[in-house]
N, C-alpha and C. Protein backbone atom coordinates (compact mmCIF):
# COMPACT_ATOMS: atom_id res chain seq x y z
N UNK A 1 0.84 -1.19 0.00
CA UNK A 1 0.00 0.00 0.00
C UNK A 1 0.88 1.25 0.00
N UNK A 2 0.53 2.24 -0.78
CA UNK A 2 1.26 3.49 -0.81
C UNK A 2 1.28 4.11 0.57
N UNK A 3 2.46 4.65 0.97
CA UNK A 3 2.59 5.21 2.32
C UNK A 3 1.68 6.41 2.54
N UNK A 4 1.22 7.03 1.45
CA UNK A 4 0.33 8.19 1.58
C UNK A 4 -1.14 7.78 1.56
N UNK A 5 -1.39 6.49 1.43
CA UNK A 5 -2.76 5.99 1.36
C UNK A 5 -3.11 5.28 2.65
N UNK A 6 -4.21 5.69 3.27
CA UNK A 6 -4.65 5.08 4.52
C UNK A 6 -5.50 3.84 4.23
N UNK A 7 -5.57 2.89 5.17
CA UNK A 7 -6.46 1.74 4.99
C UNK A 7 -7.91 2.18 4.96
N UNK A 8 -8.78 1.32 4.40
CA UNK A 8 -10.18 1.69 4.19
C UNK A 8 -10.91 2.02 5.47
N UNK A 9 -10.50 1.40 6.60
CA UNK A 9 -11.20 1.66 7.86
C UNK A 9 -10.72 2.92 8.56
N UNK A 10 -9.75 3.62 7.98
CA UNK A 10 -9.21 4.82 8.62
C UNK A 10 -10.25 5.93 8.70
N UNK A 11 -11.19 5.95 7.75
CA UNK A 11 -12.20 7.01 7.74
C UNK A 11 -13.21 6.86 8.86
N UNK A 12 -13.13 5.75 9.62
CA UNK A 12 -14.07 5.53 10.72
C UNK A 12 -13.64 6.22 12.02
N UNK A 13 -12.45 6.83 12.03
CA UNK A 13 -11.99 7.46 13.26
C UNK A 13 -12.85 8.67 13.56
N UNK A 14 -13.13 8.96 14.83
CA UNK A 14 -13.96 10.11 15.19
C UNK A 14 -13.31 11.43 14.80
N UNK A 15 -14.14 12.45 14.56
CA UNK A 15 -13.64 13.76 14.19
C UNK A 15 -12.71 14.31 15.27
N UNK A 16 -13.03 14.08 16.52
CA UNK A 16 -12.24 14.64 17.61
C UNK A 16 -10.84 14.08 17.71
N UNK A 17 -10.57 12.96 17.02
CA UNK A 17 -9.26 12.35 17.08
C UNK A 17 -8.37 12.78 15.92
N UNK A 18 -8.79 13.80 15.17
CA UNK A 18 -8.01 14.26 14.04
C UNK A 18 -6.88 15.17 14.46
N UNK A 19 -6.31 14.92 15.61
CA UNK A 19 -5.21 15.73 16.12
C UNK A 19 -3.96 14.90 16.25
N UNK A 20 -2.84 15.48 15.92
CA UNK A 20 -1.56 14.80 16.10
C UNK A 20 -1.23 14.78 17.59
N UNK A 21 -0.19 14.01 17.96
CA UNK A 21 0.19 13.91 19.37
C UNK A 21 0.63 15.26 19.91
N UNK A 22 1.10 16.14 19.03
CA UNK A 22 1.52 17.46 19.47
C UNK A 22 0.34 18.37 19.77
N UNK A 23 -0.86 17.91 19.44
CA UNK A 23 -2.05 18.72 19.68
C UNK A 23 -2.43 19.57 18.48
N UNK A 24 -1.63 19.52 17.43
CA UNK A 24 -1.93 20.30 16.23
C UNK A 24 -2.86 19.51 15.31
N UNK A 25 -3.61 20.25 14.50
CA UNK A 25 -4.55 19.63 13.58
C UNK A 25 -3.80 18.88 12.48
N UNK A 26 -4.18 17.64 12.23
CA UNK A 26 -3.60 16.89 11.12
C UNK A 26 -4.19 17.39 9.80
N UNK A 27 -3.36 17.48 8.78
CA UNK A 27 -3.85 17.84 7.45
C UNK A 27 -4.13 16.55 6.69
N UNK A 28 -5.31 16.02 6.90
CA UNK A 28 -5.70 14.78 6.25
C UNK A 28 -7.13 14.91 5.73
N UNK A 29 -7.40 14.18 4.66
CA UNK A 29 -8.77 14.08 4.16
C UNK A 29 -8.98 12.66 3.64
N UNK A 30 -10.10 12.07 4.00
CA UNK A 30 -10.40 10.70 3.59
C UNK A 30 -11.53 10.73 2.56
N UNK A 31 -11.38 9.94 1.52
CA UNK A 31 -12.36 9.88 0.44
C UNK A 31 -12.82 8.44 0.27
N UNK A 32 -14.11 8.22 0.29
CA UNK A 32 -14.69 6.90 0.06
C UNK A 32 -15.75 6.99 -1.02
N UNK A 33 -15.76 6.01 -1.91
CA UNK A 33 -16.84 5.88 -2.89
C UNK A 33 -17.67 4.68 -2.47
N UNK A 34 -18.91 4.95 -2.06
CA UNK A 34 -19.80 3.91 -1.57
C UNK A 34 -20.91 3.70 -2.59
N UNK A 35 -21.10 2.45 -3.02
CA UNK A 35 -22.16 2.15 -3.98
C UNK A 35 -23.03 1.02 -3.46
N UNK A 36 -24.34 1.23 -3.59
CA UNK A 36 -25.30 0.19 -3.23
C UNK A 36 -25.93 -0.33 -4.53
N UNK A 37 -25.73 -1.63 -4.77
CA UNK A 37 -26.24 -2.25 -5.99
C UNK A 37 -27.51 -3.03 -5.69
N UNK A 38 -28.53 -2.82 -6.50
CA UNK A 38 -29.78 -3.57 -6.40
C UNK A 38 -30.00 -4.30 -7.72
N UNK A 39 -30.06 -5.63 -7.67
CA UNK A 39 -30.18 -6.43 -8.89
C UNK A 39 -31.32 -7.42 -8.71
N UNK A 40 -32.22 -7.48 -9.70
CA UNK A 40 -33.35 -8.42 -9.68
C UNK A 40 -33.11 -9.49 -10.75
N UNK A 41 -33.06 -10.77 -10.28
CA UNK A 41 -32.87 -11.90 -11.19
C UNK A 41 -34.19 -12.65 -11.36
N UNK A 42 -34.37 -13.29 -12.53
CA UNK A 42 -35.53 -14.15 -12.71
C UNK A 42 -35.16 -15.57 -12.30
N UNK A 43 -36.07 -16.51 -12.48
CA UNK A 43 -35.85 -17.88 -12.01
C UNK A 43 -34.75 -18.59 -12.79
N UNK A 44 -34.34 -18.04 -13.94
CA UNK A 44 -33.27 -18.64 -14.73
C UNK A 44 -31.91 -18.02 -14.43
N UNK A 45 -31.89 -17.08 -13.49
CA UNK A 45 -30.63 -16.44 -13.13
C UNK A 45 -30.28 -15.26 -14.02
N UNK A 46 -31.20 -14.83 -14.88
CA UNK A 46 -30.94 -13.69 -15.75
C UNK A 46 -31.35 -12.40 -15.05
N UNK A 47 -30.61 -11.33 -15.34
CA UNK A 47 -30.89 -10.03 -14.73
C UNK A 47 -32.11 -9.39 -15.39
N UNK A 48 -33.10 -9.02 -14.58
CA UNK A 48 -34.30 -8.34 -15.10
C UNK A 48 -34.08 -6.83 -15.06
N UNK A 49 -33.66 -6.31 -13.95
CA UNK A 49 -33.29 -4.90 -13.87
C UNK A 49 -32.25 -4.72 -12.76
N UNK A 50 -31.54 -3.61 -12.84
CA UNK A 50 -30.46 -3.36 -11.88
C UNK A 50 -30.25 -1.86 -11.74
N UNK A 51 -29.72 -1.46 -10.61
CA UNK A 51 -29.45 -0.04 -10.38
C UNK A 51 -28.30 0.12 -9.39
N UNK A 52 -27.65 1.27 -9.44
CA UNK A 52 -26.58 1.61 -8.52
C UNK A 52 -26.91 2.95 -7.88
N UNK A 53 -26.90 3.00 -6.57
CA UNK A 53 -27.02 4.26 -5.82
C UNK A 53 -25.68 4.49 -5.15
N UNK A 54 -25.00 5.57 -5.55
CA UNK A 54 -23.66 5.80 -5.06
C UNK A 54 -23.46 7.16 -4.43
N UNK A 55 -22.38 7.27 -3.65
CA UNK A 55 -22.01 8.53 -3.01
C UNK A 55 -20.49 8.64 -2.97
N UNK A 56 -20.00 9.86 -3.16
CA UNK A 56 -18.59 10.15 -2.90
C UNK A 56 -18.55 10.86 -1.55
N UNK A 57 -18.02 10.18 -0.54
CA UNK A 57 -18.00 10.70 0.82
C UNK A 57 -16.60 11.20 1.18
N UNK A 58 -16.56 12.28 1.92
CA UNK A 58 -15.29 12.82 2.39
C UNK A 58 -15.38 13.09 3.88
N UNK A 59 -14.27 12.91 4.56
CA UNK A 59 -14.14 13.30 5.96
C UNK A 59 -12.87 14.14 6.06
N UNK A 60 -13.05 15.40 6.40
CA UNK A 60 -11.95 16.36 6.33
C UNK A 60 -11.36 16.68 7.69
N UNK A 61 -10.02 16.65 7.74
CA UNK A 61 -9.26 17.11 8.90
C UNK A 61 -8.27 18.19 8.46
N UNK A 62 -8.63 18.92 7.42
CA UNK A 62 -7.75 19.95 6.86
C UNK A 62 -7.87 21.24 7.65
N UNK A 63 -6.77 21.93 7.82
CA UNK A 63 -6.78 23.22 8.51
C UNK A 63 -6.59 24.34 7.50
N UNK A 64 -7.10 25.51 7.82
CA UNK A 64 -6.91 26.66 6.95
C UNK A 64 -7.94 26.83 5.85
N UNK A 65 -8.97 25.99 5.83
CA UNK A 65 -10.04 26.09 4.83
C UNK A 65 -9.49 26.16 3.40
N UNK A 66 -8.69 25.17 2.96
CA UNK A 66 -8.17 25.20 1.59
C UNK A 66 -9.25 24.85 0.58
N UNK A 67 -9.10 25.37 -0.63
CA UNK A 67 -10.03 25.02 -1.71
C UNK A 67 -9.52 23.76 -2.39
N UNK A 68 -10.40 22.80 -2.57
CA UNK A 68 -10.04 21.52 -3.20
C UNK A 68 -10.68 21.43 -4.58
N UNK A 69 -10.03 20.67 -5.45
CA UNK A 69 -10.57 20.38 -6.78
C UNK A 69 -10.65 18.87 -6.95
N UNK A 70 -11.80 18.42 -7.41
CA UNK A 70 -12.02 16.99 -7.63
C UNK A 70 -12.39 16.79 -9.09
N UNK A 71 -11.53 16.09 -9.83
CA UNK A 71 -11.77 15.85 -11.25
C UNK A 71 -12.48 14.52 -11.43
N UNK A 72 -13.62 14.55 -12.10
CA UNK A 72 -14.38 13.34 -12.39
C UNK A 72 -14.06 12.87 -13.80
N UNK A 73 -14.60 11.73 -14.17
CA UNK A 73 -14.40 11.19 -15.51
C UNK A 73 -14.85 12.20 -16.57
N UNK A 74 -13.99 12.50 -17.53
CA UNK A 74 -14.33 13.49 -18.56
C UNK A 74 -15.47 13.02 -19.45
N UNK A 75 -15.69 11.71 -19.51
CA UNK A 75 -16.77 11.16 -20.34
C UNK A 75 -18.07 11.02 -19.56
N UNK A 76 -18.14 11.64 -18.40
CA UNK A 76 -19.34 11.56 -17.57
C UNK A 76 -20.50 12.30 -18.23
N UNK A 77 -21.64 11.63 -18.30
CA UNK A 77 -22.86 12.22 -18.88
C UNK A 77 -23.97 12.11 -17.84
N UNK A 78 -24.71 13.18 -17.65
CA UNK A 78 -25.81 13.18 -16.69
C UNK A 78 -27.13 13.22 -17.46
N UNK A 79 -27.98 12.22 -17.22
CA UNK A 79 -29.28 12.15 -17.89
C UNK A 79 -29.26 11.18 -19.05
N UNK A 80 -30.03 10.08 -18.93
CA UNK A 80 -30.07 9.09 -20.00
C UNK A 80 -30.71 9.64 -21.26
N UNK A 81 -31.57 10.66 -21.10
CA UNK A 81 -32.27 11.24 -22.25
C UNK A 81 -31.61 12.53 -22.72
N UNK A 82 -30.35 12.72 -22.37
CA UNK A 82 -29.66 13.96 -22.74
C UNK A 82 -29.25 13.98 -24.20
N UNK A 83 -29.26 12.80 -24.86
CA UNK A 83 -28.84 12.74 -26.25
C UNK A 83 -27.33 12.69 -26.40
N UNK A 84 -26.60 12.63 -25.28
CA UNK A 84 -25.14 12.58 -25.32
C UNK A 84 -24.66 11.17 -25.02
N UNK A 85 -23.44 10.90 -25.43
CA UNK A 85 -22.86 9.58 -25.22
C UNK A 85 -21.60 9.71 -24.37
N UNK A 86 -21.37 8.74 -23.51
CA UNK A 86 -20.18 8.75 -22.67
C UNK A 86 -19.96 7.40 -22.05
N UNK A 87 -18.80 7.20 -21.44
CA UNK A 87 -18.48 5.92 -20.84
C UNK A 87 -19.17 5.73 -19.50
N UNK A 88 -19.57 6.84 -18.85
CA UNK A 88 -20.27 6.79 -17.57
C UNK A 88 -21.52 7.66 -17.68
N UNK A 89 -22.70 7.04 -17.55
CA UNK A 89 -23.96 7.77 -17.69
C UNK A 89 -24.71 7.70 -16.36
N UNK A 90 -24.93 8.85 -15.76
CA UNK A 90 -25.70 8.93 -14.52
C UNK A 90 -27.14 9.32 -14.85
N UNK A 91 -28.09 8.63 -14.25
CA UNK A 91 -29.49 9.02 -14.43
C UNK A 91 -29.74 10.39 -13.83
N UNK A 92 -29.23 10.59 -12.63
CA UNK A 92 -29.34 11.89 -11.97
C UNK A 92 -28.30 11.95 -10.86
N UNK A 93 -28.06 13.14 -10.35
CA UNK A 93 -27.10 13.32 -9.26
C UNK A 93 -27.40 14.63 -8.54
N UNK A 94 -26.85 14.78 -7.35
CA UNK A 94 -26.95 16.03 -6.61
C UNK A 94 -25.65 16.26 -5.85
N UNK A 95 -25.34 17.52 -5.59
CA UNK A 95 -24.07 17.89 -5.00
C UNK A 95 -24.28 18.53 -3.63
N UNK A 96 -23.24 18.49 -2.81
CA UNK A 96 -23.27 19.17 -1.52
C UNK A 96 -23.30 20.67 -1.75
N UNK A 97 -23.89 21.40 -0.82
CA UNK A 97 -24.06 22.85 -0.99
C UNK A 97 -22.72 23.60 -1.07
N UNK A 98 -21.63 22.98 -0.62
CA UNK A 98 -20.33 23.66 -0.67
C UNK A 98 -19.68 23.57 -2.05
N UNK A 99 -20.23 22.74 -2.93
CA UNK A 99 -19.61 22.50 -4.24
C UNK A 99 -19.98 23.60 -5.22
N UNK A 100 -18.96 24.13 -5.92
CA UNK A 100 -19.16 25.11 -6.99
C UNK A 100 -19.06 24.39 -8.33
N UNK A 101 -20.02 24.66 -9.20
CA UNK A 101 -20.10 23.92 -10.47
C UNK A 101 -19.67 24.76 -11.67
N UNK A 102 -18.88 25.80 -11.42
CA UNK A 102 -18.46 26.69 -12.51
C UNK A 102 -17.76 25.94 -13.64
N UNK A 103 -16.92 24.95 -13.28
CA UNK A 103 -16.12 24.25 -14.28
C UNK A 103 -16.66 22.86 -14.59
N UNK A 104 -17.80 22.52 -14.02
CA UNK A 104 -18.28 21.16 -14.16
C UNK A 104 -18.67 20.83 -15.60
N UNK A 105 -19.39 21.72 -16.25
CA UNK A 105 -19.85 21.45 -17.61
C UNK A 105 -18.70 21.36 -18.60
N UNK A 106 -17.67 22.16 -18.41
CA UNK A 106 -16.57 22.20 -19.37
C UNK A 106 -15.50 21.14 -19.11
N UNK A 107 -15.19 20.86 -17.84
CA UNK A 107 -14.09 19.94 -17.55
C UNK A 107 -14.43 18.86 -16.54
N UNK A 108 -15.70 18.77 -16.13
CA UNK A 108 -16.13 17.80 -15.12
C UNK A 108 -15.28 17.89 -13.85
N UNK A 109 -14.99 19.12 -13.45
CA UNK A 109 -14.21 19.38 -12.25
C UNK A 109 -15.05 20.09 -11.20
N UNK A 110 -14.99 19.60 -9.97
CA UNK A 110 -15.69 20.23 -8.86
C UNK A 110 -14.67 20.96 -8.00
N UNK A 111 -15.00 22.16 -7.55
CA UNK A 111 -14.12 22.82 -6.59
C UNK A 111 -14.95 23.30 -5.42
N UNK A 112 -14.37 23.16 -4.23
CA UNK A 112 -15.12 23.41 -3.00
C UNK A 112 -14.17 23.58 -1.84
N UNK A 113 -14.67 24.22 -0.80
CA UNK A 113 -13.97 24.31 0.48
C UNK A 113 -14.68 23.34 1.42
N UNK A 114 -14.02 22.23 1.78
CA UNK A 114 -14.72 21.20 2.55
C UNK A 114 -15.05 21.64 3.96
N UNK A 115 -16.27 21.37 4.41
CA UNK A 115 -16.60 21.65 5.82
C UNK A 115 -15.92 20.62 6.72
N UNK A 116 -15.81 20.93 8.00
CA UNK A 116 -15.24 19.98 8.94
C UNK A 116 -16.14 18.76 9.06
N UNK A 117 -15.50 17.62 9.24
CA UNK A 117 -16.27 16.40 9.44
C UNK A 117 -16.60 15.69 8.15
N UNK A 118 -17.57 14.80 8.23
CA UNK A 118 -17.93 13.96 7.09
C UNK A 118 -19.08 14.57 6.31
N UNK A 119 -19.00 14.50 5.00
CA UNK A 119 -20.07 15.01 4.15
C UNK A 119 -20.04 14.28 2.81
N UNK A 120 -21.16 14.33 2.10
CA UNK A 120 -21.29 13.69 0.80
C UNK A 120 -21.09 14.74 -0.29
N UNK A 121 -20.01 14.61 -1.04
CA UNK A 121 -19.73 15.56 -2.13
C UNK A 121 -20.76 15.39 -3.24
N UNK A 122 -21.06 14.14 -3.56
CA UNK A 122 -21.91 13.84 -4.70
C UNK A 122 -22.71 12.57 -4.43
N UNK A 123 -24.00 12.60 -4.73
CA UNK A 123 -24.85 11.41 -4.71
C UNK A 123 -25.34 11.17 -6.13
N UNK A 124 -25.39 9.92 -6.55
CA UNK A 124 -25.78 9.65 -7.94
C UNK A 124 -26.54 8.33 -8.04
N UNK A 125 -27.20 8.16 -9.19
CA UNK A 125 -27.95 6.93 -9.45
C UNK A 125 -27.71 6.51 -10.90
N UNK A 126 -27.50 5.20 -11.09
CA UNK A 126 -27.26 4.63 -12.42
C UNK A 126 -28.19 3.44 -12.61
N UNK A 127 -28.90 3.41 -13.75
CA UNK A 127 -29.76 2.26 -14.05
C UNK A 127 -29.37 1.59 -15.37
N UNK A 128 -28.25 2.02 -15.96
CA UNK A 128 -27.78 1.39 -17.20
C UNK A 128 -27.27 -0.02 -16.88
N UNK A 129 -27.17 -0.86 -17.91
CA UNK A 129 -26.68 -2.23 -17.71
C UNK A 129 -25.23 -2.21 -17.23
N UNK A 130 -24.94 -3.08 -16.29
CA UNK A 130 -23.57 -3.22 -15.79
C UNK A 130 -23.37 -4.67 -15.35
N UNK A 131 -22.13 -5.14 -15.38
CA UNK A 131 -21.86 -6.53 -14.96
C UNK A 131 -22.18 -6.70 -13.47
N UNK A 132 -23.05 -7.64 -13.17
CA UNK A 132 -23.40 -7.88 -11.76
C UNK A 132 -22.23 -8.53 -11.04
N UNK A 133 -21.89 -8.06 -9.84
CA UNK A 133 -20.75 -8.64 -9.10
C UNK A 133 -21.05 -10.05 -8.58
N UNK A 134 -22.34 -10.41 -8.54
CA UNK A 134 -22.73 -11.74 -8.10
C UNK A 134 -23.70 -12.33 -9.11
N UNK A 135 -23.65 -13.63 -9.28
CA UNK A 135 -24.61 -14.34 -10.12
C UNK A 135 -25.35 -15.35 -9.25
N UNK A 136 -26.65 -15.47 -9.47
CA UNK A 136 -27.48 -16.38 -8.70
C UNK A 136 -27.99 -17.50 -9.60
N UNK A 137 -27.83 -18.73 -9.13
CA UNK A 137 -28.26 -19.90 -9.89
C UNK A 137 -29.26 -20.69 -9.04
N UNK A 138 -30.57 -20.48 -9.27
CA UNK A 138 -31.58 -21.19 -8.47
C UNK A 138 -31.99 -22.52 -9.11
N UNK A 139 -32.41 -23.45 -8.28
CA UNK A 139 -32.97 -24.72 -8.75
C UNK A 139 -34.19 -25.03 -7.91
N UNK A 140 -35.31 -25.34 -8.56
CA UNK A 140 -36.58 -25.58 -7.86
C UNK A 140 -37.10 -26.98 -8.23
N UNK A 141 -37.46 -27.74 -7.21
CA UNK A 141 -37.94 -29.11 -7.44
C UNK A 141 -39.09 -29.42 -6.49
N UNK A 142 -40.18 -29.98 -7.01
CA UNK A 142 -41.31 -30.41 -6.19
C UNK A 142 -40.99 -31.78 -5.61
N UNK A 143 -40.74 -31.82 -4.29
CA UNK A 143 -40.37 -33.08 -3.65
C UNK A 143 -41.56 -33.76 -2.98
N UNK A 144 -42.74 -33.19 -3.08
CA UNK A 144 -43.94 -33.77 -2.50
C UNK A 144 -45.15 -32.96 -2.92
N UNK A 145 -46.35 -33.43 -2.60
CA UNK A 145 -47.56 -32.70 -3.01
C UNK A 145 -47.67 -31.31 -2.40
N UNK A 146 -47.06 -31.10 -1.22
CA UNK A 146 -47.14 -29.79 -0.57
C UNK A 146 -45.75 -29.28 -0.17
N UNK A 147 -44.73 -29.76 -0.88
CA UNK A 147 -43.37 -29.39 -0.52
C UNK A 147 -42.55 -29.07 -1.77
N UNK A 148 -41.78 -27.98 -1.67
CA UNK A 148 -40.91 -27.57 -2.76
C UNK A 148 -39.51 -27.33 -2.21
N UNK A 149 -38.51 -27.92 -2.87
CA UNK A 149 -37.12 -27.70 -2.48
C UNK A 149 -36.52 -26.63 -3.39
N UNK A 150 -35.95 -25.61 -2.77
CA UNK A 150 -35.31 -24.53 -3.52
C UNK A 150 -33.83 -24.47 -3.13
N UNK A 151 -32.98 -24.62 -4.13
CA UNK A 151 -31.53 -24.53 -3.91
C UNK A 151 -31.04 -23.26 -4.59
N UNK A 152 -30.36 -22.42 -3.82
CA UNK A 152 -29.88 -21.14 -4.34
C UNK A 152 -28.35 -21.10 -4.21
N UNK A 153 -27.69 -21.00 -5.36
CA UNK A 153 -26.22 -20.94 -5.39
C UNK A 153 -25.80 -19.56 -5.86
N UNK A 154 -24.86 -18.96 -5.15
CA UNK A 154 -24.37 -17.63 -5.51
C UNK A 154 -22.89 -17.71 -5.87
N UNK A 155 -22.55 -17.10 -6.99
CA UNK A 155 -21.14 -17.05 -7.40
C UNK A 155 -20.70 -15.59 -7.47
N UNK A 156 -19.57 -15.30 -6.86
CA UNK A 156 -19.03 -13.94 -6.88
C UNK A 156 -18.16 -13.76 -8.11
N UNK A 157 -18.45 -12.72 -8.89
CA UNK A 157 -17.64 -12.37 -10.06
C UNK A 157 -16.87 -11.09 -9.79
N UNK A 158 -16.30 -11.00 -8.60
CA UNK A 158 -15.58 -9.80 -8.19
C UNK A 158 -14.09 -9.98 -8.46
N UNK A 159 -13.45 -9.00 -9.07
CA UNK A 159 -12.00 -9.12 -9.34
C UNK A 159 -11.21 -9.29 -8.05
N UNK A 160 -10.05 -9.96 -8.16
CA UNK A 160 -9.18 -10.13 -7.01
C UNK A 160 -8.78 -8.77 -6.46
N UNK A 161 -8.74 -8.67 -5.15
CA UNK A 161 -8.37 -7.41 -4.51
C UNK A 161 -9.56 -6.54 -4.18
N UNK A 162 -10.77 -6.92 -4.62
CA UNK A 162 -11.98 -6.18 -4.29
C UNK A 162 -12.91 -7.07 -3.48
N UNK A 163 -13.85 -6.45 -2.80
CA UNK A 163 -14.76 -7.22 -1.96
C UNK A 163 -16.12 -6.55 -1.90
N UNK A 164 -17.12 -7.32 -1.54
CA UNK A 164 -18.47 -6.80 -1.35
C UNK A 164 -18.87 -6.96 0.10
N UNK A 165 -19.56 -5.97 0.65
CA UNK A 165 -20.00 -6.02 2.04
C UNK A 165 -21.50 -5.79 2.11
N UNK A 166 -22.10 -6.25 3.20
CA UNK A 166 -23.54 -6.08 3.43
C UNK A 166 -24.36 -6.61 2.26
N UNK A 167 -23.98 -7.78 1.76
CA UNK A 167 -24.70 -8.40 0.65
C UNK A 167 -25.94 -9.10 1.18
N UNK A 168 -27.10 -8.81 0.59
CA UNK A 168 -28.37 -9.41 1.01
C UNK A 168 -29.07 -10.01 -0.19
N UNK A 169 -29.53 -11.25 -0.04
CA UNK A 169 -30.30 -11.93 -1.08
C UNK A 169 -31.72 -12.14 -0.56
N UNK A 170 -32.72 -11.70 -1.34
CA UNK A 170 -34.12 -11.87 -0.96
C UNK A 170 -34.79 -12.83 -1.93
N UNK A 171 -35.40 -13.87 -1.38
CA UNK A 171 -36.05 -14.90 -2.20
C UNK A 171 -37.54 -14.90 -1.89
N UNK A 172 -38.39 -14.45 -2.82
CA UNK A 172 -39.84 -14.49 -2.56
C UNK A 172 -40.35 -15.92 -2.62
N UNK A 173 -41.36 -16.22 -1.81
CA UNK A 173 -41.97 -17.55 -1.79
C UNK A 173 -43.46 -17.41 -2.07
N UNK A 174 -44.13 -18.49 -2.47
CA UNK A 174 -45.57 -18.42 -2.75
C UNK A 174 -46.37 -17.94 -1.55
N UNK A 175 -47.48 -17.26 -1.81
CA UNK A 175 -48.32 -16.73 -0.74
C UNK A 175 -48.91 -17.84 0.14
N UNK A 176 -49.05 -19.05 -0.42
CA UNK A 176 -49.64 -20.15 0.34
C UNK A 176 -48.62 -20.87 1.22
N UNK A 177 -47.40 -20.39 1.27
CA UNK A 177 -46.35 -21.04 2.06
C UNK A 177 -46.73 -21.05 3.54
N UNK A 178 -46.67 -22.24 4.15
CA UNK A 178 -47.02 -22.37 5.57
C UNK A 178 -45.78 -22.31 6.45
N UNK A 179 -44.69 -22.90 6.02
CA UNK A 179 -43.46 -22.91 6.82
C UNK A 179 -42.26 -23.07 5.90
N UNK A 180 -41.10 -22.69 6.41
CA UNK A 180 -39.86 -22.76 5.64
C UNK A 180 -38.76 -23.31 6.53
N UNK A 181 -37.99 -24.26 5.99
CA UNK A 181 -36.82 -24.80 6.69
C UNK A 181 -35.58 -24.37 5.91
N UNK A 182 -34.64 -23.71 6.59
CA UNK A 182 -33.45 -23.19 5.94
C UNK A 182 -32.23 -24.01 6.32
N UNK A 183 -31.39 -24.28 5.33
CA UNK A 183 -30.20 -25.08 5.58
C UNK A 183 -29.07 -24.62 4.66
N UNK A 184 -27.87 -24.49 5.22
CA UNK A 184 -26.69 -24.13 4.43
C UNK A 184 -25.92 -25.38 4.05
N UNK A 185 -25.46 -25.42 2.80
CA UNK A 185 -24.67 -26.56 2.34
C UNK A 185 -23.30 -26.57 3.01
N UNK A 186 -22.77 -25.40 3.32
CA UNK A 186 -21.47 -25.27 3.97
C UNK A 186 -21.60 -24.26 5.11
N UNK A 187 -20.70 -24.38 6.06
CA UNK A 187 -20.66 -23.43 7.17
C UNK A 187 -19.95 -22.17 6.69
N UNK A 188 -20.73 -21.11 6.45
CA UNK A 188 -20.19 -19.86 5.92
C UNK A 188 -20.11 -18.84 7.06
N UNK A 189 -18.91 -18.47 7.50
CA UNK A 189 -18.79 -17.51 8.62
C UNK A 189 -19.51 -16.20 8.32
N UNK A 190 -20.29 -15.73 9.29
CA UNK A 190 -20.98 -14.45 9.15
C UNK A 190 -22.24 -14.50 8.33
N UNK A 191 -22.59 -15.67 7.80
CA UNK A 191 -23.79 -15.78 6.95
C UNK A 191 -24.97 -16.29 7.77
N UNK A 192 -26.13 -15.72 7.53
CA UNK A 192 -27.35 -16.18 8.21
C UNK A 192 -28.55 -15.91 7.32
N UNK A 193 -29.63 -16.59 7.59
CA UNK A 193 -30.85 -16.43 6.79
C UNK A 193 -32.06 -16.57 7.71
N UNK A 194 -33.15 -15.92 7.30
CA UNK A 194 -34.40 -16.03 8.07
C UNK A 194 -35.59 -15.91 7.13
N UNK A 195 -36.68 -16.53 7.53
CA UNK A 195 -37.93 -16.45 6.77
C UNK A 195 -38.84 -15.42 7.42
N UNK A 196 -39.33 -14.49 6.61
CA UNK A 196 -40.25 -13.46 7.10
C UNK A 196 -41.66 -13.81 6.63
N UNK A 197 -42.45 -14.47 7.49
CA UNK A 197 -43.77 -14.96 7.06
C UNK A 197 -44.73 -13.85 6.65
N UNK A 198 -44.66 -12.70 7.30
CA UNK A 198 -45.57 -11.61 6.94
C UNK A 198 -45.27 -11.02 5.56
N UNK A 199 -44.02 -11.11 5.15
CA UNK A 199 -43.63 -10.59 3.84
C UNK A 199 -43.47 -11.68 2.80
N UNK A 200 -43.60 -12.93 3.21
CA UNK A 200 -43.48 -14.08 2.32
C UNK A 200 -42.18 -14.03 1.52
N UNK A 201 -41.08 -13.95 2.24
CA UNK A 201 -39.79 -13.98 1.58
C UNK A 201 -38.71 -14.45 2.55
N UNK A 202 -37.64 -14.96 1.96
CA UNK A 202 -36.46 -15.39 2.70
C UNK A 202 -35.38 -14.34 2.51
N UNK A 203 -34.78 -13.93 3.59
CA UNK A 203 -33.69 -12.95 3.53
C UNK A 203 -32.41 -13.63 3.97
N UNK A 204 -31.47 -13.66 3.04
CA UNK A 204 -30.18 -14.31 3.30
C UNK A 204 -29.10 -13.25 3.36
């Protein structure tokens, strides 16, 4: 890891601890890109629809109120119906009130004076097709007149060095379902599942 790059959990430190041992303010700023992916698969494992809700988060420990510039992808396009083409198309987005957009249209550059603490520079939403980081392979078999066995296999298609957190799989069941028995094929640390009878779905 680059000596100037902090580990991903470094941004979790409290604001009050942004002081060096000498008592002086540390000149540090942490940047995180957080994306929440929602993907709906059909019974054959094909993607029906998908979306990404993302945020560029910053936590500032900078002194002196410096002006920062954040350059985004030059091929960034906002609005699917804009008639423009680019490598990154956002359905919509919104910016923090501290962000100045004078140069955004011409160079996709944001400039701002960051407030103290944590804030979201940019929130965005994408509904264009994208490779799903996980693939689901379901198998359904009627094992009796009133019993159905459902096997759900998940494969991660995430590149080495990357990871997914807070992954949730929701499996709807028929409205006539009376009870559900859940079983894991392997002991997966940190994994759990439950049946929600009022919502008629399994949450894994």
